[in-house]
Amino acid sequence: MAGRPISATHEAHASTRIQPICYATGQAAGTAAALSLRYKVMPRELNVGELQETLRRQGAILD
């Protein structure tokens, strides 16, 4: 799930509402969904390292 229901502290949540963050969480959620379908697993069962590497190949900045 992407958007406002993400888990964050009260202070951090204020910065999650700006457009670039919304794009990033949407990209991450969509990529996780695609990988889940590919490997036929639930999103929580995904290899996080592989998800991060896939996002980096897509041009996402994670650091």
N, C-alpha and C. Protein backbone atom coordinates (compact mmCIF):
# COMPACT_ATOMS: atom_id res chain seq x y z
N MET A 1 0.84 -1.15 0.00
CA MET A 1 0.00 0.00 0.00
C MET A 1 0.90 1.23 0.00
N ALA A 2 0.55 2.19 -0.78
CA ALA A 2 1.32 3.43 -0.83
C ALA A 2 0.40 4.58 -0.45
N GLY A 3 1.01 5.69 -0.15
CA GLY A 3 0.24 6.88 0.17
C GLY A 3 0.27 7.21 1.64
N ARG A 4 -0.73 7.88 2.11
CA ARG A 4 -0.76 8.38 3.48
C ARG A 4 -0.79 7.31 4.56
N PRO A 5 -1.26 6.09 4.30
CA PRO A 5 -1.30 5.11 5.39
C PRO A 5 0.05 4.46 5.71
N ILE A 6 1.15 5.00 5.20
CA ILE A 6 2.45 4.41 5.52
C ILE A 6 2.79 4.64 6.98
N SER A 7 3.67 3.84 7.51
CA SER A 7 4.07 3.92 8.90
C SER A 7 5.24 4.90 9.03
N ALA A 8 5.08 5.91 9.87
CA ALA A 8 6.13 6.89 10.10
C ALA A 8 5.85 7.61 11.42
N THR A 9 6.88 8.23 11.97
CA THR A 9 6.67 9.05 13.16
C THR A 9 5.83 10.26 12.78
N HIS A 10 5.29 10.92 13.78
CA HIS A 10 4.47 12.11 13.52
C HIS A 10 5.27 13.16 12.74
N GLU A 11 6.52 13.37 13.14
CA GLU A 11 7.36 14.37 12.48
C GLU A 11 7.67 13.96 11.04
N ALA A 12 8.01 12.69 10.84
CA ALA A 12 8.35 12.23 9.49
C ALA A 12 7.13 12.20 8.58
N HIS A 13 5.97 11.94 9.15
CA HIS A 13 4.76 11.84 8.32
C HIS A 13 4.46 13.15 7.61
N ALA A 14 4.80 14.27 8.23
CA ALA A 14 4.55 15.57 7.60
C ALA A 14 5.29 15.70 6.27
N SER A 15 6.49 15.12 6.18
CA SER A 15 7.26 15.24 4.94
C SER A 15 6.87 14.20 3.90
N THR A 16 6.05 13.22 4.26
CA THR A 16 5.69 12.19 3.28
C THR A 16 4.61 12.65 2.32
N ARG A 17 4.03 13.80 2.55
CA ARG A 17 2.92 14.25 1.71
C ARG A 17 3.37 15.05 0.49
N ILE A 18 4.66 15.28 0.34
CA ILE A 18 5.12 16.04 -0.83
C ILE A 18 5.24 15.12 -2.04
N GLN A 19 5.08 15.67 -3.24
CA GLN A 19 4.99 14.87 -4.46
C GLN A 19 6.11 13.85 -4.65
N PRO A 20 7.39 14.23 -4.52
CA PRO A 20 8.44 13.24 -4.79
C PRO A 20 8.35 12.01 -3.87
N ILE A 21 7.97 12.21 -2.63
CA ILE A 21 7.83 11.09 -1.71
C ILE A 21 6.65 10.22 -2.13
N CYS A 22 5.58 10.85 -2.57
CA CYS A 22 4.42 10.09 -3.05
C CYS A 22 4.80 9.24 -4.26
N TYR A 23 5.59 9.82 -5.17
CA TYR A 23 6.06 9.06 -6.33
C TYR A 23 6.89 7.87 -5.89
N ALA A 24 7.80 8.10 -4.94
CA ALA A 24 8.72 7.05 -4.49
C ALA A 24 7.98 5.90 -3.81
N THR A 25 7.02 6.22 -2.94
CA THR A 25 6.29 5.15 -2.27
C THR A 25 5.41 4.39 -3.26
N GLY A 26 4.87 5.09 -4.24
CA GLY A 26 4.09 4.42 -5.28
C GLY A 26 4.94 3.50 -6.13
N GLN A 27 6.14 3.95 -6.49
CA GLN A 27 7.05 3.11 -7.27
C GLN A 27 7.44 1.87 -6.47
N ALA A 28 7.74 2.06 -5.19
CA ALA A 28 8.14 0.92 -4.36
C ALA A 28 6.99 -0.07 -4.20
N ALA A 29 5.79 0.43 -3.98
CA ALA A 29 4.63 -0.47 -3.82
C ALA A 29 4.35 -1.22 -5.11
N GLY A 30 4.41 -0.53 -6.24
CA GLY A 30 4.16 -1.19 -7.52
C GLY A 30 5.22 -2.22 -7.86
N THR A 31 6.47 -1.90 -7.57
CA THR A 31 7.55 -2.84 -7.83
C THR A 31 7.43 -4.06 -6.93
N ALA A 32 7.09 -3.84 -5.67
CA ALA A 32 6.89 -4.97 -4.74
C ALA A 32 5.74 -5.85 -5.22
N ALA A 33 4.68 -5.24 -5.70
CA ALA A 33 3.54 -6.02 -6.20
C ALA A 33 3.95 -6.86 -7.42
N ALA A 34 4.71 -6.26 -8.32
CA ALA A 34 5.14 -6.98 -9.52
C ALA A 34 6.06 -8.15 -9.15
N LEU A 35 6.99 -7.93 -8.24
CA LEU A 35 7.88 -9.01 -7.82
C LEU A 35 7.10 -10.11 -7.10
N SER A 36 6.12 -9.72 -6.32
CA SER A 36 5.29 -10.71 -5.62
C SER A 36 4.58 -11.61 -6.61
N LEU A 37 4.05 -11.01 -7.66
CA LEU A 37 3.38 -11.81 -8.69
C LEU A 37 4.38 -12.72 -9.42
N ARG A 38 5.53 -12.16 -9.73
CA ARG A 38 6.55 -12.94 -10.45
C ARG A 38 6.96 -14.19 -9.66
N TYR A 39 7.18 -14.01 -8.37
CA TYR A 39 7.66 -15.12 -7.54
C TYR A 39 6.53 -15.87 -6.82
N LYS A 40 5.29 -15.43 -7.04
CA LYS A 40 4.13 -16.07 -6.43
C LYS A 40 4.25 -16.16 -4.91
N VAL A 41 4.58 -15.01 -4.30
CA VAL A 41 4.69 -14.91 -2.84
C VAL A 41 3.93 -13.67 -2.38
N MET A 42 3.64 -13.63 -1.11
CA MET A 42 3.03 -12.44 -0.53
C MET A 42 4.11 -11.35 -0.43
N PRO A 43 3.73 -10.07 -0.51
CA PRO A 43 4.74 -9.00 -0.43
C PRO A 43 5.64 -9.10 0.80
N ARG A 44 5.11 -9.50 1.93
CA ARG A 44 5.94 -9.60 3.14
C ARG A 44 6.98 -10.70 3.04
N GLU A 45 6.83 -11.61 2.07
CA GLU A 45 7.79 -12.70 1.88
C GLU A 45 8.88 -12.37 0.88
N LEU A 46 8.82 -11.16 0.29
CA LEU A 46 9.83 -10.77 -0.70
C LEU A 46 11.19 -10.62 -0.04
N ASN A 47 12.22 -10.85 -0.82
CA ASN A 47 13.58 -10.57 -0.39
C ASN A 47 13.77 -9.06 -0.50
N VAL A 48 13.94 -8.40 0.63
CA VAL A 48 14.02 -6.94 0.65
C VAL A 48 15.22 -6.44 -0.15
N GLY A 49 16.33 -7.14 -0.06
CA GLY A 49 17.51 -6.75 -0.82
C GLY A 49 17.26 -6.77 -2.32
N GLU A 50 16.53 -7.77 -2.79
CA GLU A 50 16.21 -7.84 -4.22
C GLU A 50 15.26 -6.71 -4.62
N LEU A 51 14.30 -6.41 -3.77
CA LEU A 51 13.40 -5.28 -4.04
C LEU A 51 14.19 -3.99 -4.13
N GLN A 52 15.10 -3.77 -3.19
CA GLN A 52 15.90 -2.55 -3.20
C GLN A 52 16.78 -2.47 -4.44
N GLU A 53 17.38 -3.58 -4.82
CA GLU A 53 18.23 -3.59 -6.01
C GLU A 53 17.40 -3.32 -7.27
N THR A 54 16.22 -3.88 -7.34
CA THR A 54 15.33 -3.64 -8.48
C THR A 54 14.97 -2.16 -8.56
N LEU A 55 14.66 -1.55 -7.42
CA LEU A 55 14.35 -0.12 -7.39
C LEU A 55 15.54 0.72 -7.83
N ARG A 56 16.73 0.34 -7.38
CA ARG A 56 17.94 1.08 -7.79
C ARG A 56 18.14 0.99 -9.31
N ARG A 57 17.92 -0.20 -9.88
CA ARG A 57 18.05 -0.36 -11.34
C ARG A 57 17.04 0.52 -12.07
N GLN A 58 15.92 0.77 -11.44
CA GLN A 58 14.88 1.63 -12.03
C GLN A 58 15.22 3.11 -11.86
N GLY A 59 16.27 3.41 -11.10
CA GLY A 59 16.68 4.80 -10.91
C GLY A 59 16.25 5.39 -9.58
N ALA A 60 15.68 4.58 -8.70
CA ALA A 60 15.25 5.08 -7.40
C ALA A 60 16.49 5.36 -6.53
N ILE A 61 16.39 6.39 -5.72
CA ILE A 61 17.45 6.75 -4.78
C ILE A 61 16.98 6.30 -3.41
N LEU A 62 17.68 5.32 -2.83
CA LEU A 62 17.27 4.75 -1.56
C LEU A 62 18.12 5.20 -0.39
N ASP A 63 19.24 5.78 -0.64
CA ASP A 63 20.15 6.18 0.44
C ASP A 63 19.97 7.61 0.83
